[in-house]
Protein backbone atom coordinates (compact mmCIF):
# COMPACT_ATOMS: atom_id res chain seq x y z
CA MET A 1 0.00 0.00 0.00
CA LYS A 2 2.84 2.38 0.87
CA LYS A 3 4.43 1.75 -2.54
CA ILE A 4 1.21 2.64 -4.39
CA ILE A 5 0.85 5.92 -2.47
CA ILE A 6 4.45 6.88 -3.31
CA ILE A 7 3.86 6.10 -7.00
CA ILE A 8 0.65 8.13 -7.08
CA LEU A 9 2.32 11.09 -5.34
CA SER A 10 5.28 10.90 -7.75
CA ILE A 11 2.96 10.96 -10.76
CA PHE A 12 1.05 13.89 -9.25
CA VAL A 13 4.26 15.88 -8.72
CA LEU A 14 5.45 15.18 -12.28
CA LEU A 15 2.09 16.33 -13.66
CA LEU A 16 2.30 19.55 -11.65
CA ILE A 17 5.77 20.24 -13.01
CA GLY A 18 4.57 19.54 -16.55
CA PHE A 19 1.60 21.89 -16.23
CA GLY A 20 3.94 24.55 -14.81
CA TYR A 21 5.95 24.48 -18.04
CA LEU A 22 2.76 24.84 -20.07
CA ILE A 23 1.78 27.94 -18.11
CA TYR A 24 5.28 29.45 -17.94
CA PRO A 25 7.48 27.89 -20.61
CA TYR A 26 11.22 28.33 -20.19
CA ILE A 27 13.37 29.10 -23.22
CA GLU A 28 16.92 27.80 -23.02
CA PRO A 29 19.12 30.48 -24.68
CA SER A 30 22.02 28.09 -25.27
CA PHE A 31 19.89 26.17 -27.83
CA TYR A 32 20.02 29.14 -30.23
CA PRO A 33 20.70 30.05 -32.97
CA ARG A 34 19.58 26.92 -34.79
CA SER A 35 18.53 26.08 -38.31
CA ALA A 36 14.88 26.50 -39.28
CA GLY A 37 15.05 25.27 -42.87
CA THR A 38 14.63 27.33 -46.03
CA ASP A 39 11.98 29.85 -47.06
CA PRO A 40 10.33 28.27 -50.13
CA ARG A 41 9.41 31.69 -51.55
CA THR A 42 12.94 33.10 -51.58
CA GLY A 43 15.16 30.02 -51.24
CA LEU A 44 17.06 31.72 -48.41
CA PRO A 45 18.06 29.86 -45.23
CA LEU A 46 16.13 30.58 -42.02
CA GLU A 47 17.22 30.29 -38.42
CA LYS A 48 15.59 30.53 -35.03
CA ARG A 49 17.42 33.11 -32.94
CA TYR A 50 17.04 33.87 -29.23
CA PHE A 51 16.90 37.55 -28.39
CA CYS A 52 16.79 39.37 -25.06
CA MET A 53 17.62 42.95 -24.10
CA ASP A 54 16.71 43.46 -20.49
CA ILE A 55 15.71 40.72 -18.04
CA CYS A 56 17.25 37.58 -19.48
CA PRO A 57 16.32 34.81 -19.97
CA ASP A 58 12.91 35.37 -18.32
CA TYR A 59 11.71 37.91 -20.88
CA GLY A 60 13.60 36.75 -23.94
CA TYR A 61 11.96 35.38 -27.06
CA VAL A 62 12.74 33.38 -30.17
CA LEU A 63 12.49 34.87 -33.65
CA THR A 64 12.51 33.07 -37.00
CA VAL A 65 14.64 35.20 -39.31
CA TYR A 66 16.62 34.99 -42.52
CA LYS A 67 20.06 33.70 -41.57
CA ASP A 68 22.36 35.81 -43.73
CA ILE A 69 20.49 39.13 -43.80
CA LYS A 70 22.43 41.60 -41.63
CA THR A 71 21.11 45.07 -42.56
CA ILE A 72 17.79 46.87 -43.00
CA GLU A 73 18.61 47.54 -46.66
CA GLU A 74 19.22 43.83 -47.42
CA CYS A 75 15.99 42.94 -45.65
CA GLU A 76 13.92 45.46 -47.60
CA GLU A 77 15.57 44.34 -50.85
CA ILE A 78 14.27 40.77 -50.47
CA GLY A 79 10.85 41.92 -49.22
CA GLY A 80 11.39 40.75 -45.63
CA GLN A 81 9.94 42.19 -42.46
CA VAL A 82 12.43 44.43 -40.66
CA ILE A 83 12.54 43.59 -36.94
CA LEU A 84 13.77 46.35 -34.62
CA THR A 85 14.32 46.40 -30.88
CA GLY A 86 11.90 48.00 -28.46
CA MET A 87 12.74 49.38 -25.05
CA PRO A 88 15.22 49.96 -23.42
CA LYS A 89 17.19 50.58 -26.67
CA PRO A 90 14.61 51.15 -29.41
CA GLY A 91 15.32 51.02 -33.11
CA LEU A 92 18.27 48.61 -33.37
CA PHE A 93 18.08 46.07 -36.23
CA ILE A 94 17.87 42.54 -34.84
CA GLY A 95 16.72 40.51 -37.80
CA CYS A 96 14.77 40.14 -41.00
CA GLY A 97 11.56 38.15 -40.65
CA THR A 98 9.68 36.36 -43.40
CA GLY A 99 6.45 38.22 -42.74
CA GLN A 100 4.76 34.83 -42.36
CA ASN A 101 3.67 33.01 -39.21
CA THR A 102 6.56 30.58 -38.58
CA LYS A 103 5.81 29.23 -35.10
């Protein structure tokens, strides 16, 4: 009987931990950048890139951007979506998005 109670409690704890990650998912910054395939419209390689400016890693996020686009001009030339920083340092170029939902 004692063994069954321990197993049930263990399963309950694991479920609580799992639901905690659903409510507040943690992003591991060391996993990025990583490949995200190729944009079929342009043929250019994509990557998922972690970005954070202030309270990291708690308020960081992952962007899907063109891998080799490094300036606003290059991004506009291919018809990409220019992604700029917000606060605390607004207006810095951080990537060129596809303009499509790439979750």
